[in-house]
Amino acid sequence: MGKNITLKSDTTMNFPKGFSASLILVFLIITVTGCSRTPKVQPVLDLEEEIRLSGTDLVVARKTGPDGNYLKGPEGFCNIKDASLLISVKNLGRIVSPASTTSVVFFSRGSGAYQRFDLETPPVGGTPAELILPLPDNACALEECIFSITVDSKNEIDEGIGEQNNTVDALCVI
């Protein structure tokens, strides 16, 4: 019978020129088999890497600011142009996703009322899908829009462990 031993190391490693990483957390599973005693080394992937390699993982892409950096917080998903909400659906996975549904829910801060809109989302590969939703009447009140965006809102795609990043909350101050 083999014996599994898990070793963890957070050693700084220096790589030759051309490598982009200078600090790597190394997690290894060393399996020692009962017959040969030759260790087999297999890397353990972190959650983000496992999602990327699992196939399809749809997310709402953040908007970039004038400096080219992604905007942080709920304002990072506010992309209004010509009285329409622009939504960019990105695939972090390695295979093209099938068509799906993206939902937008606008909330009214005062009354608690909401309006839901479903948008057909085409298959998404390396290039994000750009969706356009004309702003509905009364969606934005008191000079702000509060809404959430959910990709794959009808769970049409098996994203494996990537389902937890499907919904974002957004705020637009207009």
Foldseek 3Di string as FASTA:
>chain_A
DKDKDWDWDFDFDPDPPPDPDRTDTWTWIWIQDPPPRDTDTDTDDDPLVCLQAVAWAKAWAFAADPVRHQDDDQARLADDDPQKRKIWIATSHAYKWAKAKKKKKWADPPPRDIDIDIDIGHTHHHGTTIDIGRHDPPQAPPQKIKMKMFTRVVVPTCSDVNRVRGMDIHMDGD
